[in-house]
Amino acid sequence: MFAVGKDAFFERMPDALEIENAEQIRTIIASQIKDGKPPALSLVGDDGKMQTVTLTPAVTASFLIVLRLISSGRGFRVFPVETELTTQQAADLLNVSRPFLVKLLEGGEIPFTRTGRHRRIRTDDLFAFRKRRDANRSDALGRLARMDVEDGLL
């Protein structure tokens, strides 16, 4: 029996065996997705009894995302939606500098609370901001593309 490390892929990248395991499991789950029916996996427990588990679409999609990350050799972190992040953690998730994030917070772009001198950002608020930001970027790129077409540049 082996123990699963709490930090799993927080501080390291998957090794070759983990990459291979993830790809095998990803392939098995993906092969079970047929005609919109949820995949059913049969697992053998410690007692030797086989149990079948039918995965919901959300669980299937989540597993496949995690397995793709591992099988491509990438590390990752999982945050529950209600988690409060430090400014550095939030900045890292948005791929911006911490000072830039603080300007967004102080400008009212992202809600936050204070714990003493420290700012805390709820993960769901951060993801809502990221979704709005990405939608705004997409709209702006679409407008630029239309302008290029109208000007005969494309």
C-alpha atoms as a PDB file:
ATOM      1  CA  MET A   1       0.000   0.000   0.000  1.00  0.00           C
ATOM      2  CA  PHE A   2       1.304   3.471  -0.800  1.00  0.00           C
ATOM      3  CA  ALA A   3       0.330   6.839   0.591  1.00  0.00           C
ATOM      4  CA  VAL A   4      -0.947   9.605  -1.644  1.00  0.00           C
ATOM      5  CA  GLY A   5       0.958  12.819  -1.018  1.00  0.00           C
ATOM      6  CA  LYS A   6      -1.186  15.768  -0.030  1.00  0.00           C
ATOM      7  CA  ASP A   7       0.643  18.091  -2.374  1.00  0.00           C
ATOM      8  CA  ALA A   8       0.432  15.710  -5.366  1.00  0.00           C
ATOM      9  CA  PHE A   9       1.341  18.057  -8.260  1.00  0.00           C
ATOM     10  CA  PHE A  10       1.509  21.348  -6.357  1.00  0.00           C
ATOM     11  CA  GLU A  11       5.270  21.539  -6.177  1.00  0.00           C
ATOM     12  CA  ARG A  12       6.397  19.120  -8.857  1.00  0.00           C
ATOM     13  CA  MET A  13       5.686  17.842 -12.325  1.00  0.00           C
ATOM     14  CA  PRO A  14       4.419  14.326 -13.051  1.00  0.00           C
ATOM     15  CA  ASP A  15       7.052  11.670 -13.616  1.00  0.00           C
ATOM     16  CA  ALA A  16       7.101   9.245 -16.566  1.00  0.00           C
ATOM     17  CA  LEU A  17       5.049   6.553 -14.792  1.00  0.00           C
ATOM     18  CA  GLU A  18       2.390   9.081 -13.714  1.00  0.00           C
ATOM     19  CA  ILE A  19       2.212  10.455 -17.261  1.00  0.00           C
ATOM     20  CA  GLU A  20       1.729   6.939 -18.612  1.00  0.00           C
ATOM     21  CA  ASN A  21      -0.920   6.101 -15.957  1.00  0.00           C
ATOM     22  CA  ALA A  22      -2.856   9.287 -16.703  1.00  0.00           C
ATOM     23  CA  GLU A  23      -2.804   8.650 -20.446  1.00  0.00           C
ATOM     24  CA  GLN A  24      -4.049   5.077 -19.950  1.00  0.00           C
ATOM     25  CA  ILE A  25      -6.928   6.197 -17.722  1.00  0.00           C
ATOM     26  CA  ARG A  26      -7.763   9.117 -20.026  1.00  0.00           C
ATOM     27  CA  THR A  27      -7.897   6.774 -23.013  1.00  0.00           C
ATOM     28  CA  ILE A  28     -10.149   4.324 -21.149  1.00  0.00           C
ATOM     29  CA  ILE A  29     -12.591   7.035 -20.033  1.00  0.00           C
ATOM     30  CA  ALA A  30     -12.618   8.715 -23.447  1.00  0.00           C
ATOM     31  CA  SER A  31     -13.312   5.371 -25.169  1.00  0.00           C
ATOM     32  CA  GLN A  32     -16.371   4.885 -22.956  1.00  0.00           C
ATOM     33  CA  ILE A  33     -18.042   8.121 -24.093  1.00  0.00           C
ATOM     34  CA  LYS A  34     -20.546   6.963 -26.711  1.00  0.00           C
ATOM     35  CA  ASP A  35     -23.676   8.543 -28.136  1.00  0.00           C
ATOM     36  CA  GLY A  36     -24.091  10.946 -25.246  1.00  0.00           C
ATOM     37  CA  LYS A  37     -24.270   8.126 -22.705  1.00  0.00           C
ATOM     38  CA  PRO A  38     -22.241   8.588 -19.523  1.00  0.00           C
ATOM     39  CA  PRO A  39     -19.200   6.332 -19.216  1.00  0.00           C
ATOM     40  CA  ALA A  40     -19.380   3.405 -16.807  1.00  0.00           C
ATOM     41  CA  LEU A  41     -16.173   2.180 -15.204  1.00  0.00           C
ATOM     42  CA  SER A  42     -15.745  -1.157 -13.433  1.00  0.00           C
ATOM     43  CA  LEU A  43     -13.363  -1.081 -10.498  1.00  0.00           C
ATOM     44  CA  VAL A  44     -12.160  -3.858  -8.220  1.00  0.00           C
ATOM     45  CA  GLY A  45     -12.076  -2.991  -4.516  1.00  0.00           C
ATOM     46  CA  ASP A  46      -9.712  -4.278  -1.835  1.00  0.00           C
ATOM     47  CA  ASP A  47     -12.193  -7.058  -1.103  1.00  0.00           C
ATOM     48  CA  GLY A  48     -11.934  -8.305  -4.709  1.00  0.00           C
ATOM     49  CA  LYS A  49     -15.513  -7.325  -5.550  1.00  0.00           C
ATOM     50  CA  MET A  50     -16.131  -5.486  -8.780  1.00  0.00           C
ATOM     51  CA  GLN A  51     -18.149  -2.286  -8.631  1.00  0.00           C
ATOM     52  CA  THR A  52     -19.426  -0.296 -11.579  1.00  0.00           C
ATOM     53  CA  VAL A  53     -19.423   3.486 -11.356  1.00  0.00           C
ATOM     54  CA  THR A  54     -21.323   5.597 -13.870  1.00  0.00           C
ATOM     55  CA  LEU A  55     -19.727   9.013 -14.265  1.00  0.00           C
ATOM     56  CA  THR A  56     -21.841  12.129 -14.675  1.00  0.00           C
ATOM     57  CA  PRO A  57     -20.911  14.495 -17.534  1.00  0.00           C
ATOM     58  CA  ALA A  58     -19.395  17.032 -15.112  1.00  0.00           C
ATOM     59  CA  VAL A  59     -17.260  14.395 -13.358  1.00  0.00           C
ATOM     60  CA  THR A  60     -16.189  12.958 -16.725  1.00  0.00           C
ATOM     61  CA  ALA A  61     -15.179  16.387 -18.046  1.00  0.00           C
ATOM     62  CA  SER A  62     -13.293  17.196 -14.823  1.00  0.00           C
ATOM     63  CA  PHE A  63     -11.421  13.893 -14.845  1.00  0.00           C
ATOM     64  CA  LEU A  64     -10.469  14.341 -18.496  1.00  0.00           C
ATOM     65  CA  ILE A  65      -9.118  17.848 -17.856  1.00  0.00           C
ATOM     66  CA  VAL A  66      -6.966  16.655 -14.948  1.00  0.00           C
ATOM     67  CA  LEU A  67      -5.798  13.566 -16.839  1.00  0.00           C
ATOM     68  CA  ARG A  68      -4.854  15.665 -19.900  1.00  0.00           C
ATOM     69  CA  LEU A  69      -2.758  17.939 -17.682  1.00  0.00           C
ATOM     70  CA  ILE A  70      -0.953  15.000 -16.082  1.00  0.00           C
ATOM     71  CA  SER A  71      -0.475  13.068 -19.324  1.00  0.00           C
ATOM     72  CA  SER A  72       1.057  16.165 -20.934  1.00  0.00           C
ATOM     73  CA  GLY A  73       3.544  16.377 -18.049  1.00  0.00           C
ATOM     74  CA  ARG A  74       2.067  19.508 -16.497  1.00  0.00           C
ATOM     75  CA  GLY A  75       1.478  20.212 -12.817  1.00  0.00           C
ATOM     76  CA  PHE A  76      -1.642  21.905 -11.509  1.00  0.00           C
ATOM     77  CA  ARG A  77      -3.477  23.096  -8.410  1.00  0.00           C
ATOM     78  CA  VAL A  78      -7.114  22.621  -7.489  1.00  0.00           C
ATOM     79  CA  PHE A  79      -8.952  25.359  -5.603  1.00  0.00           C
ATOM     80  CA  PRO A  80     -12.458  24.945  -4.189  1.00  0.00           C
ATOM     81  CA  VAL A  81     -14.717  27.751  -5.428  1.00  0.00           C
ATOM     82  CA  GLU A  82     -15.123  29.253  -1.945  1.00  0.00           C
ATOM     83  CA  THR A  83     -11.372  29.429  -1.312  1.00  0.00           C
ATOM     84  CA  GLU A  84      -9.888  32.790  -0.427  1.00  0.00           C
ATOM     85  CA  LEU A  85      -6.624  33.512  -2.207  1.00  0.00           C
ATOM     86  CA  THR A  86      -3.740  35.796  -1.388  1.00  0.00           C
ATOM     87  CA  THR A  87      -2.974  38.566  -3.847  1.00  0.00           C
ATOM     88  CA  GLN A  88       0.043  36.605  -5.120  1.00  0.00           C
ATOM     89  CA  GLN A  89      -2.015  33.445  -5.700  1.00  0.00           C
ATOM     90  CA  ALA A  90      -4.708  35.462  -7.503  1.00  0.00           C
ATOM     91  CA  ALA A  91      -2.115  37.283  -9.608  1.00  0.00           C
ATOM     92  CA  ASP A  92      -0.549  33.956 -10.576  1.00  0.00           C
ATOM     93  CA  LEU A  93      -3.945  32.580 -11.656  1.00  0.00           C
ATOM     94  CA  LEU A  94      -4.587  35.655 -13.823  1.00  0.00           C
ATOM     95  CA  ASN A  95      -0.984  35.628 -15.087  1.00  0.00           C
ATOM     96  CA  VAL A  96      -0.471  39.248 -14.038  1.00  0.00           C
ATOM     97  CA  SER A  97       1.868  40.941 -11.581  1.00  0.00           C
ATOM     98  CA  ARG A  98       0.809  41.353  -7.974  1.00  0.00           C
ATOM     99  CA  PRO A  99       0.962  45.177  -8.180  1.00  0.00           C
ATOM    100  CA  PHE A 100      -1.304  45.102 -11.258  1.00  0.00           C
ATOM    101  CA  LEU A 101      -3.773  42.862  -9.408  1.00  0.00           C
ATOM    102  CA  VAL A 102      -3.763  45.239  -6.426  1.00  0.00           C
ATOM    103  CA  LYS A 103      -4.702  48.086  -8.820  1.00  0.00           C
ATOM    104  CA  LEU A 104      -7.610  45.978 -10.093  1.00  0.00           C
ATOM    105  CA  LEU A 105      -8.717  45.302  -6.512  1.00  0.00           C
ATOM    106  CA  GLU A 106      -8.430  48.915  -5.394  1.00  0.00           C
ATOM    107  CA  GLY A 107     -10.204  50.049  -8.584  1.00  0.00           C
ATOM    108  CA  GLY A 108     -13.203  47.871  -7.735  1.00  0.00           C
ATOM    109  CA  GLU A 109     -12.720  45.466 -10.648  1.00  0.00           C
ATOM    110  CA  ILE A 110     -12.552  42.435  -8.341  1.00  0.00           C
ATOM    111  CA  PRO A 111     -14.197  42.229  -4.900  1.00  0.00           C
ATOM    112  CA  PHE A 112     -11.931  41.460  -1.957  1.00  0.00           C
ATOM    113  CA  THR A 113     -11.881  41.457   1.822  1.00  0.00           C
ATOM    114  CA  ARG A 114      -9.194  42.460   4.253  1.00  0.00           C
ATOM    115  CA  THR A 115      -7.744  40.233   6.915  1.00  0.00           C
ATOM    116  CA  GLY A 116      -5.686  42.637   8.950  1.00  0.00           C
ATOM    117  CA  ARG A 117      -3.423  44.323   6.404  1.00  0.00           C
ATOM    118  CA  HIS A 118      -3.818  41.537   3.857  1.00  0.00           C
ATOM    119  CA  ARG A 119      -6.263  41.374   0.974  1.00  0.00           C
ATOM    120  CA  ARG A 120      -8.114  38.128   0.259  1.00  0.00           C
ATOM    121  CA  ILE A 121      -9.895  37.319  -2.996  1.00  0.00           C
ATOM    122  CA  ARG A 122     -12.573  34.648  -3.333  1.00  0.00           C
ATOM    123  CA  THR A 123     -11.832  32.209  -6.123  1.00  0.00           C
ATOM    124  CA  ASP A 124     -15.332  32.545  -7.592  1.00  0.00           C
ATOM    125  CA  ASP A 125     -14.942  36.354  -7.770  1.00  0.00           C
ATOM    126  CA  LEU A 126     -11.567  35.942  -9.461  1.00  0.00           C
ATOM    127  CA  PHE A 127     -12.945  33.479 -12.015  1.00  0.00           C
ATOM    128  CA  ALA A 128     -15.929  35.776 -12.702  1.00  0.00           C
ATOM    129  CA  PHE A 129     -13.495  38.635 -13.397  1.00  0.00           C
ATOM    130  CA  ARG A 130     -11.382  36.408 -15.642  1.00  0.00           C
ATOM    131  CA  LYS A 131     -14.474  35.354 -17.587  1.00  0.00           C
ATOM    132  CA  ARG A 132     -15.519  39.026 -18.074  1.00  0.00           C
ATOM    133  CA  ARG A 133     -11.961  39.994 -19.033  1.00  0.00           C
ATOM    134  CA  ASP A 134     -11.683  37.191 -21.574  1.00  0.00           C
ATOM    135  CA  ALA A 135     -15.108  38.037 -23.065  1.00  0.00           C
ATOM    136  CA  ASN A 136     -14.086  41.703 -23.387  1.00  0.00           C
ATOM    137  CA  ARG A 137     -10.821  40.692 -25.072  1.00  0.00           C
ATOM    138  CA  SER A 138     -12.672  38.410 -27.464  1.00  0.00           C
ATOM    139  CA  ASP A 139     -15.149  41.183 -28.346  1.00  0.00           C
ATOM    140  CA  ALA A 140     -12.309  43.646 -28.938  1.00  0.00           C
ATOM    141  CA  LEU A 141     -10.466  41.178 -31.186  1.00  0.00           C
ATOM    142  CA  GLY A 142     -13.684  40.556 -33.107  1.00  0.00           C
ATOM    143  CA  ARG A 143     -14.165  44.300 -33.657  1.00  0.00           C
ATOM    144  CA  LEU A 144     -10.563  44.646 -34.832  1.00  0.00           C
ATOM    145  CA  ALA A 145     -10.985  41.748 -37.252  1.00  0.00           C
ATOM    146  CA  ARG A 146     -14.193  43.296 -38.654  1.00  0.00           C
ATOM    147  CA  MET A 147     -12.392  46.634 -39.091  1.00  0.00           C
ATOM    148  CA  ASP A 148      -9.562  44.869 -40.933  1.00  0.00           C
ATOM    149  CA  VAL A 149     -12.081  43.224 -43.274  1.00  0.00           C
ATOM    150  CA  GLU A 150     -13.906  46.523 -43.853  1.00  0.00           C
ATOM    151  CA  ASP A 151     -10.601  48.249 -44.628  1.00  0.00           C
ATOM    152  CA  GLY A 152      -9.608  45.463 -47.023  1.00  0.00           C
ATOM    153  CA  LEU A 153      -6.644  44.356 -44.956  1.00  0.00           C
ATOM    154  CA  LEU A 154      -7.838  40.748 -44.816  1.00  0.00           C
END
